[in-house]
PDB file of N, CA and C in Angstrom:
ATOM      1  N   MET A   1      13.448 -18.444 -10.262  1.00  0.00           N
ATOM      2  CA  MET A   1      14.455 -17.471 -10.119  1.00  0.00           C
ATOM      3  C   MET A   1      14.411 -16.976  -8.909  1.00  0.00           C
ATOM      4  N   HIS A   2      15.261 -16.106  -8.405  1.00  0.00           N
ATOM      5  CA  HIS A   2      15.689 -16.103  -7.265  1.00  0.00           C
ATOM      6  C   HIS A   2      14.341 -14.728  -6.562  1.00  0.00           C
ATOM      7  N   GLY A   3      14.342 -14.967  -6.214  1.00  0.00           N
ATOM      8  CA  GLY A   3      13.183 -14.327  -5.267  1.00  0.00           C
ATOM      9  C   GLY A   3      11.721 -13.751  -5.850  1.00  0.00           C
ATOM     10  N   VAL A   4      12.176 -15.781  -6.520  1.00  0.00           N
ATOM     11  CA  VAL A   4      10.045 -15.252  -6.891  1.00  0.00           C
ATOM     12  C   VAL A   4       9.862 -16.108  -6.284  1.00  0.00           C
ATOM     13  N   PRO A   5       8.284 -15.936  -5.558  1.00  0.00           N
ATOM     14  CA  PRO A   5       7.312 -16.583  -4.289  1.00  0.00           C
ATOM     15  C   PRO A   5       7.587 -17.980  -5.483  1.00  0.00           C
ATOM     16  N   ARG A   6       7.429 -19.766  -4.350  1.00  0.00           N
ATOM     17  CA  ARG A   6       7.417 -21.199  -4.918  1.00  0.00           C
ATOM     18  C   ARG A   6       6.330 -21.033  -3.622  1.00  0.00           C
ATOM     19  N   PRO A   7       4.945 -22.432  -4.455  1.00  0.00           N
ATOM     20  CA  PRO A   7       4.945 -22.816  -3.454  1.00  0.00           C
ATOM     21  C   PRO A   7       5.128 -23.660  -2.718  1.00  0.00           C
ATOM     22  N   VAL A   8       4.610 -23.702  -1.982  1.00  0.00           N
ATOM     23  CA  VAL A   8       4.796 -24.446   0.217  1.00  0.00           C
ATOM     24  C   VAL A   8       3.809 -25.397   0.366  1.00  0.00           C
ATOM     25  N   LYS A   9       4.174 -26.211   0.755  1.00  0.00           N
ATOM     26  CA  LYS A   9       2.767 -27.297   1.362  1.00  0.00           C
ATOM     27  C   LYS A   9       3.351 -27.761   2.017  1.00  0.00           C
ATOM     28  N   PRO A  10       2.486 -27.031   3.675  1.00  0.00           N
ATOM     29  CA  PRO A  10       2.424 -27.660   4.759  1.00  0.00           C
ATOM     30  C   PRO A  10       1.573 -28.834   5.015  1.00  0.00           C
ATOM     31  N   TRP A  11       2.451 -29.398   5.594  1.00  0.00           N
ATOM     32  CA  TRP A  11       1.591 -31.142   6.273  1.00  0.00           C
ATOM     33  C   TRP A  11       1.654 -31.086   7.337  1.00  0.00           C
ATOM     34  N   THR A  12       0.571 -31.934   8.288  1.00  0.00           N
ATOM     35  CA  THR A  12       0.885 -32.775   9.695  1.00  0.00           C
ATOM     36  C   THR A  12       1.265 -34.225   9.421  1.00  0.00           C
ATOM     37  N   ALA A  13       1.795 -34.872   9.775  1.00  0.00           N
ATOM     38  CA  ALA A  13       2.029 -36.216  10.055  1.00  0.00           C
ATOM     39  C   ALA A  13       0.281 -37.013  10.672  1.00  0.00           C
ATOM     40  N   PRO A  14       0.874 -37.852  11.146  1.00  0.00           N
ATOM     41  CA  PRO A  14      -0.440 -38.408  12.238  1.00  0.00           C
ATOM     42  C   PRO A  14      -0.318 -38.021  14.080  1.00  0.00           C
ATOM     43  N   ARG A  15       1.252 -37.347  14.024  1.00  0.00           N
ATOM     44  CA  ARG A  15       1.708 -37.427  15.195  1.00  0.00           C
ATOM     45  C   ARG A  15       1.726 -36.053  15.645  1.00  0.00           C
ATOM     46  N   ALA A  16       1.154 -34.920  16.323  1.00  0.00           N
ATOM     47  CA  ALA A  16       0.656 -33.551  16.137  1.00  0.00           C
ATOM     48  C   ALA A  16       2.280 -33.166  16.301  1.00  0.00           C
ATOM     49  N   ASP A  17       3.329 -34.036  17.098  1.00  0.00           N
ATOM     50  CA  ASP A  17       4.646 -33.277  17.319  1.00  0.00           C
ATOM     51  C   ASP A  17       5.451 -33.309  15.908  1.00  0.00           C
ATOM     52  N   ARG A  18       4.874 -33.423  15.222  1.00  0.00           N
ATOM     53  CA  ARG A  18       6.066 -32.794  13.135  1.00  0.00           C
ATOM     54  C   ARG A  18       4.836 -32.702  12.937  1.00  0.00           C
ATOM     55  N   VAL A  19       6.294 -32.147  12.223  1.00  0.00           N
ATOM     56  CA  VAL A  19       5.453 -31.136  10.608  1.00  0.00           C
ATOM     57  C   VAL A  19       6.258 -31.761   9.187  1.00  0.00           C
ATOM     58  N   TYR A  20       6.222 -31.959   8.179  1.00  0.00           N
ATOM     59  CA  TYR A  20       6.895 -31.833   7.162  1.00  0.00           C
ATOM     60  C   TYR A  20       6.561 -31.051   5.716  1.00  0.00           C
ATOM     61  N   PRO A  21       6.912 -29.620   6.170  1.00  0.00           N
ATOM     62  CA  PRO A  21       7.224 -28.558   4.637  1.00  0.00           C
ATOM     63  C   PRO A  21       7.756 -29.321   3.922  1.00  0.00           C
ATOM     64  N   ALA A  22       7.190 -28.465   2.781  1.00  0.00           N
ATOM     65  CA  ALA A  22       8.286 -29.173   1.448  1.00  0.00           C
ATOM     66  C   ALA A  22       7.890 -27.339   0.808  1.00  0.00           C
ATOM     67  N   VAL A  23       8.642 -27.983  -0.639  1.00  0.00           N
ATOM     68  CA  VAL A  23       9.095 -26.837  -1.027  1.00  0.00           C
ATOM     69  C   VAL A  23       8.935 -27.347  -2.385  1.00  0.00           C
ATOM     70  N   VAL A  24       8.219 -27.269  -3.812  1.00  0.00           N
ATOM     71  CA  VAL A  24       8.454 -27.654  -4.832  1.00  0.00           C
ATOM     72  C   VAL A  24       8.194 -27.106  -5.819  1.00  0.00           C
ATOM     73  N   ASP A  25       8.988 -26.676  -7.028  1.00  0.00           N
ATOM     74  CA  ASP A  25       9.753 -26.446  -8.073  1.00  0.00           C
ATOM     75  C   ASP A  25       9.362 -27.364  -9.245  1.00  0.00           C
ATOM     76  N   ARG A  26      10.262 -26.544  -9.663  1.00  0.00           N
ATOM     77  CA  ARG A  26       9.613 -27.372 -11.749  1.00  0.00           C
ATOM     78  C   ARG A  26      11.171 -26.922 -11.860  1.00  0.00           C
ATOM     79  N   ALA A  27      12.184 -27.559 -11.174  1.00  0.00           N
ATOM     80  CA  ALA A  27      13.604 -27.748 -11.743  1.00  0.00           C
ATOM     81  C   ALA A  27      14.553 -29.312 -10.872  1.00  0.00           C
ATOM     82  N   PRO A  28      13.970 -29.485 -12.330  1.00  0.00           N
ATOM     83  CA  PRO A  28      14.509 -31.333 -12.208  1.00  0.00           C
ATOM     84  C   PRO A  28      15.364 -32.048 -12.095  1.00  0.00           C
ATOM     85  N   ASN A  29      16.045 -30.878 -12.884  1.00  0.00           N
ATOM     86  CA  ASN A  29      17.681 -31.214 -13.428  1.00  0.00           C
ATOM     87  C   ASN A  29      18.684 -30.539 -12.278  1.00  0.00           C
ATOM     88  N   ARG A  30      18.248 -29.340 -11.456  1.00  0.00           N
ATOM     89  CA  ARG A  30      19.068 -29.557 -10.352  1.00  0.00           C
ATOM     90  C   ARG A  30      18.299 -29.577  -9.070  1.00  0.00           C
ATOM     91  N   LEU A  31      19.653 -30.865  -8.768  1.00  0.00           N
ATOM     92  CA  LEU A  31      19.093 -31.352  -7.018  1.00  0.00           C
ATOM     93  C   LEU A  31      19.681 -30.077  -6.308  1.00  0.00           C
ATOM     94  N   PRO A  32      18.978 -30.373  -4.877  1.00  0.00           N
ATOM     95  CA  PRO A  32      19.705 -29.777  -4.099  1.00  0.00           C
ATOM     96  C   PRO A  32      20.950 -30.422  -3.155  1.00  0.00           C
ATOM     97  N   THR A  33      21.290 -30.075  -3.212  1.00  0.00           N
ATOM     98  CA  THR A  33      23.170 -29.741  -2.151  1.00  0.00           C
ATOM     99  C   THR A  33      23.666 -28.872  -1.926  1.00  0.00           C
ATOM    100  N   PRO A  34      23.630 -28.847  -0.410  1.00  0.00           N
ATOM    101  CA  PRO A  34      24.523 -27.319   0.755  1.00  0.00           C
ATOM    102  C   PRO A  34      25.306 -27.409   0.570  1.00  0.00           C
ATOM    103  N   ARG A  35      25.633 -26.206   0.501  1.00  0.00           N
ATOM    104  CA  ARG A  35      26.137 -25.018   0.443  1.00  0.00           C
ATOM    105  C   ARG A  35      27.186 -23.611   0.908  1.00  0.00           C
ATOM    106  N   THR A  36      28.170 -23.566   1.184  1.00  0.00           N
ATOM    107  CA  THR A  36      28.572 -22.612   2.117  1.00  0.00           C
ATOM    108  C   THR A  36      28.163 -21.410   1.389  1.00  0.00           C
ATOM    109  N   PRO A  37      27.595 -20.424   1.603  1.00  0.00           N
ATOM    110  CA  PRO A  37      27.810 -19.322   0.590  1.00  0.00           C
ATOM    111  C   PRO A  37      28.572 -17.878   0.854  1.00  0.00           C
ATOM    112  N   THR A  38      29.002 -16.991  -0.385  1.00  0.00           N
ATOM    113  CA  THR A  38      30.235 -16.043   0.534  1.00  0.00           C
ATOM    114  C   THR A  38      28.674 -15.062   0.968  1.00  0.00           C
ATOM    115  N   GLY A  39      29.537 -14.089   1.430  1.00  0.00           N
ATOM    116  CA  GLY A  39      28.406 -12.767   1.838  1.00  0.00           C
ATOM    117  C   GLY A  39      28.134 -12.158   0.596  1.00  0.00           C
ATOM    118  N   GLN A  40      28.477 -12.220  -0.118  1.00  0.00           N
ATOM    119  CA  GLN A  40      28.419 -11.264  -1.995  1.00  0.00           C
ATOM    120  C   GLN A  40      26.954 -12.812  -2.868  1.00  0.00           C
ATOM    121  N   ASP A  41      27.013 -13.365  -1.987  1.00  0.00           N
ATOM    122  CA  ASP A  41      25.969 -15.049  -3.780  1.00  0.00           C
ATOM    123  C   ASP A  41      24.263 -14.511  -2.614  1.00  0.00           C
ATOM    124  N   ASP A  42      23.580 -14.595  -3.825  1.00  0.00           N
ATOM    125  CA  ASP A  42      22.524 -13.984  -3.211  1.00  0.00           C
ATOM    126  C   ASP A  42      21.424 -15.566  -3.302  1.00  0.00           C
ATOM    127  N   SER A  43      22.733 -16.465  -3.072  1.00  0.00           N
ATOM    128  CA  SER A  43      21.491 -17.636  -3.677  1.00  0.00           C
ATOM    129  C   SER A  43      22.357 -18.497  -2.079  1.00  0.00           C
ATOM    130  N   GLY A  44      21.907 -19.905  -2.130  1.00  0.00           N
ATOM    131  CA  GLY A  44      22.049 -21.047  -1.454  1.00  0.00           C
ATOM    132  C   GLY A  44      22.428 -21.290  -0.258  1.00  0.00           C
ATOM    133  N   ARG A  45      21.498 -20.214   1.194  1.00  0.00           N
ATOM    134  CA  ARG A  45      21.582 -20.241   2.185  1.00  0.00           C
ATOM    135  C   ARG A  45      20.162 -20.970   3.171  1.00  0.00           C
ATOM    136  N   GLY A  46      19.359 -21.127   2.081  1.00  0.00           N
ATOM    137  CA  GLY A  46      18.180 -22.194   2.449  1.00  0.00           C
ATOM    138  C   GLY A  46      18.237 -24.142   3.217  1.00  0.00           C
ATOM    139  N   LEU A  47      19.214 -24.699   2.048  1.00  0.00           N
ATOM    140  CA  LEU A  47      18.905 -25.681   2.513  1.00  0.00           C
ATOM    141  C   LEU A  47      21.235 -25.496   3.738  1.00  0.00           C
ATOM    142  N   PRO A  48      21.059 -25.209   3.941  1.00  0.00           N
ATOM    143  CA  PRO A  48      21.845 -25.187   5.127  1.00  0.00           C
ATOM    144  C   PRO A  48      21.469 -24.390   6.701  1.00  0.00           C
ATOM    145  N   LEU A  49      20.565 -23.617   6.734  1.00  0.00           N
ATOM    146  CA  LEU A  49      18.987 -23.169   7.360  1.00  0.00           C
ATOM    147  C   LEU A  49      18.212 -24.699   7.164  1.00  0.00           C
ATOM    148  N   ILE A  50      17.635 -25.426   6.465  1.00  0.00           N
ATOM    149  CA  ILE A  50      16.882 -26.132   6.805  1.00  0.00           C
ATOM    150  C   ILE A  50      18.129 -27.650   7.319  1.00  0.00           C
ATOM    151  N   ASP A  51      18.720 -28.000   6.762  1.00  0.00           N
ATOM    152  CA  ASP A  51      20.212 -28.707   7.620  1.00  0.00           C
ATOM    153  C   ASP A  51      20.342 -28.835   9.019  1.00  0.00           C
ATOM    154  N   ASP A  52      20.421 -27.165   9.672  1.00  0.00           N
ATOM    155  CA  ASP A  52      20.678 -26.706  11.201  1.00  0.00           C
ATOM    156  C   ASP A  52      19.453 -26.972  11.452  1.00  0.00           C
ATOM    157  N   LEU A  53      18.389 -27.241  10.743  1.00  0.00           N
ATOM    158  CA  LEU A  53      16.546 -26.291  11.917  1.00  0.00           C
ATOM    159  C   LEU A  53      15.594 -28.553  11.758  1.00  0.00           C
ATOM    160  N   THR A  54      16.009 -29.214  10.966  1.00  0.00           N
ATOM    161  CA  THR A  54      15.633 -30.081  11.173  1.00  0.00           C
ATOM    162  C   THR A  54      16.140 -31.273  10.985  1.00  0.00           C
ATOM    163  N   GLY A  55      15.664 -32.735  11.841  1.00  0.00           N
ATOM    164  CA  GLY A  55      16.076 -33.695  12.410  1.00  0.00           C
ATOM    165  C   GLY A  55      16.539 -34.699  10.239  1.00  0.00           C
ATOM    166  N   ARG A  56      15.723 -33.886   9.362  1.00  0.00           N
ATOM    167  CA  ARG A  56      16.669 -34.944   8.097  1.00  0.00           C
ATOM    168  C   ARG A  56      16.549 -33.125   6.984  1.00  0.00           C
ATOM    169  N   TRP A  57      16.274 -34.118   5.758  1.00  0.00           N
ATOM    170  CA  TRP A  57      15.504 -33.511   5.025  1.00  0.00           C
ATOM    171  C   TRP A  57      15.646 -34.658   3.904  1.00  0.00           C
ATOM    172  N   GLY A  58      14.937 -34.140   2.795  1.00  0.00           N
ATOM    173  CA  GLY A  58      15.432 -34.875   1.350  1.00  0.00           C
ATOM    174  C   GLY A  58      14.464 -34.159  -0.038  1.00  0.00           C
ATOM    175  N   HIS A  59      14.636 -35.031  -0.748  1.00  0.00           N
ATOM    176  CA  HIS A  59      13.993 -34.484  -2.209  1.00  0.00           C
ATOM    177  C   HIS A  59      13.278 -36.067  -2.742  1.00  0.00           C
ATOM    178  N   ASP A  60      12.669 -35.642  -3.719  1.00  0.00           N
ATOM    179  CA  ASP A  60      12.252 -36.262  -4.643  1.00  0.00           C
ATOM    180  C   ASP A  60      11.484 -35.896  -5.959  1.00  0.00           C
ATOM    181  N   LEU A  61      11.926 -36.542  -7.236  1.00  0.00           N
ATOM    182  CA  LEU A  61      11.638 -35.526  -8.751  1.00  0.00           C
ATOM    183  C   LEU A  61      10.404 -36.113  -9.057  1.00  0.00           C
ATOM    184  N   LEU A  62       9.427 -35.337  -9.519  1.00  0.00           N
ATOM    185  CA  LEU A  62       8.569 -35.418  -9.725  1.00  0.00           C
ATOM    186  C   LEU A  62       7.875 -35.801 -10.780  1.00  0.00           C
ATOM    187  N   GLY A  63       7.317 -36.725 -11.348  1.00  0.00           N
ATOM    188  CA  GLY A  63       7.018 -37.141 -12.553  1.00  0.00           C
ATOM    189  C   GLY A  63       7.055 -38.197 -12.650  1.00  0.00           C
ATOM    190  N   PRO A  64       7.525 -39.017 -14.715  1.00  0.00           N
ATOM    191  CA  PRO A  64       8.266 -39.746 -14.923  1.00  0.00           C
ATOM    192  C   PRO A  64       9.687 -39.926 -14.362  1.00  0.00           C
ATOM    193  N   GLY A  65      10.394 -41.254 -14.316  1.00  0.00           N
ATOM    194  CA  GLY A  65      11.252 -41.332 -14.032  1.00  0.00           C
ATOM    195  C   GLY A  65      12.082 -40.555 -15.606  1.00  0.00           C
ATOM    196  N   THR A  66      11.701 -41.268 -16.319  1.00  0.00           N
ATOM    197  CA  THR A  66      13.285 -40.459 -17.522  1.00  0.00           C
ATOM    198  C   THR A  66      12.745 -38.745 -17.965  1.00  0.00           C
ATOM    199  N   ALA A  67      11.578 -38.682 -17.452  1.00  0.00           N
ATOM    200  CA  ALA A  67      11.267 -36.922 -17.885  1.00  0.00           C
ATOM    201  C   ALA A  67      10.443 -36.853 -16.443  1.00  0.00           C
ATOM    202  N   PRO A  68      10.465 -36.601 -15.469  1.00  0.00           N
ATOM    203  CA  PRO A  68      10.655 -35.470 -14.751  1.00  0.00           C
ATOM    204  C   PRO A  68      10.070 -34.625 -14.990  1.00  0.00           C
ATOM    205  N   ARG A  69       9.340 -34.071 -14.626  1.00  0.00           N
ATOM    206  CA  ARG A  69       8.191 -32.049 -14.098  1.00  0.00           C
ATOM    207  C   ARG A  69       8.792 -31.226 -13.276  1.00  0.00           C
ATOM    208  N   GLY A  70       9.557 -31.825 -12.167  1.00  0.00           N
ATOM    209  CA  GLY A  70      10.220 -30.447 -11.829  1.00  0.00           C
ATOM    210  C   GLY A  70      10.583 -31.560  -9.617  1.00  0.00           C
ATOM    211  N   ARG A  71      10.855 -31.007  -9.073  1.00  0.00           N
ATOM    212  CA  ARG A  71      11.723 -31.405  -7.909  1.00  0.00           C
ATOM    213  C   ARG A  71      10.873 -31.194  -6.465  1.00  0.00           C
ATOM    214  N   ARG A  72      10.579 -31.750  -5.243  1.00  0.00           N
ATOM    215  CA  ARG A  72      10.174 -31.456  -4.147  1.00  0.00           C
ATOM    216  C   ARG A  72      11.061 -31.806  -2.643  1.00  0.00           C
ATOM    217  N   VAL A  73      11.483 -30.764  -2.143  1.00  0.00           N
ATOM    218  CA  VAL A  73      12.576 -30.789  -1.673  1.00  0.00           C
ATOM    219  C   VAL A  73      11.587 -30.884   0.267  1.00  0.00           C
ATOM    220  N   ARG A  74      11.503 -31.798   0.483  1.00  0.00           N
ATOM    221  CA  ARG A  74      10.907 -32.266   1.793  1.00  0.00           C
ATOM    222  C   ARG A  74      11.838 -31.585   3.748  1.00  0.00           C
ATOM    223  N   ALA A  75      11.244 -31.620   4.487  1.00  0.00           N
ATOM    224  CA  ALA A  75      12.023 -31.714   5.626  1.00  0.00           C
ATOM    225  C   ALA A  75      10.718 -32.508   6.443  1.00  0.00           C
ATOM    226  N   LEU A  76      11.746 -32.554   7.530  1.00  0.00           N
ATOM    227  CA  LEU A  76      10.507 -32.862   9.729  1.00  0.00           C
ATOM    228  C   LEU A  76      11.314 -32.386  10.250  1.00  0.00           C
ATOM    229  N   LEU A  77      10.536 -31.797  10.497  1.00  0.00           N
ATOM    230  CA  LEU A  77      10.614 -30.729  11.559  1.00  0.00           C
ATOM    231  C   LEU A  77       9.403 -31.309  12.982  1.00  0.00           C
ATOM    232  N   GLU A  78       9.923 -31.478  14.425  1.00  0.00           N
ATOM    233  CA  GLU A  78      10.055 -32.028  15.501  1.00  0.00           C
ATOM    234  C   GLU A  78       9.992 -30.558  16.855  1.00  0.00           C
ATOM    235  N   SER A  79       8.710 -31.210  17.380  1.00  0.00           N
ATOM    236  CA  SER A  79       9.511 -30.549  18.349  1.00  0.00           C
ATOM    237  C   SER A  79      10.242 -31.337  19.879  1.00  0.00           C
ATOM    238  N   LYS A  80      10.622 -30.408  20.323  1.00  0.00           N
ATOM    239  CA  LYS A  80      11.563 -31.455  21.734  1.00  0.00           C
ATOM    240  C   LYS A  80      11.056 -31.309  23.436  1.00  0.00           C
TER     241      LYS A  80
END
């Protein structure tokens, strides 16, 4: 549901100039796809924002390949 806090787990890589934030939820059947929301849409702004701010991002399914129980969307933030 939109607006419900989701667990965010930030961590740092071995180098101090990188951070890998990730968001985990229980929606493995909905793969992340950037889109362009209209002014009336109440969702769809997160991935375009992450895409603009990060060096790269991706997702992983969590759990067994035949029956995943969730997904993790992760990004790479690097200092310049």
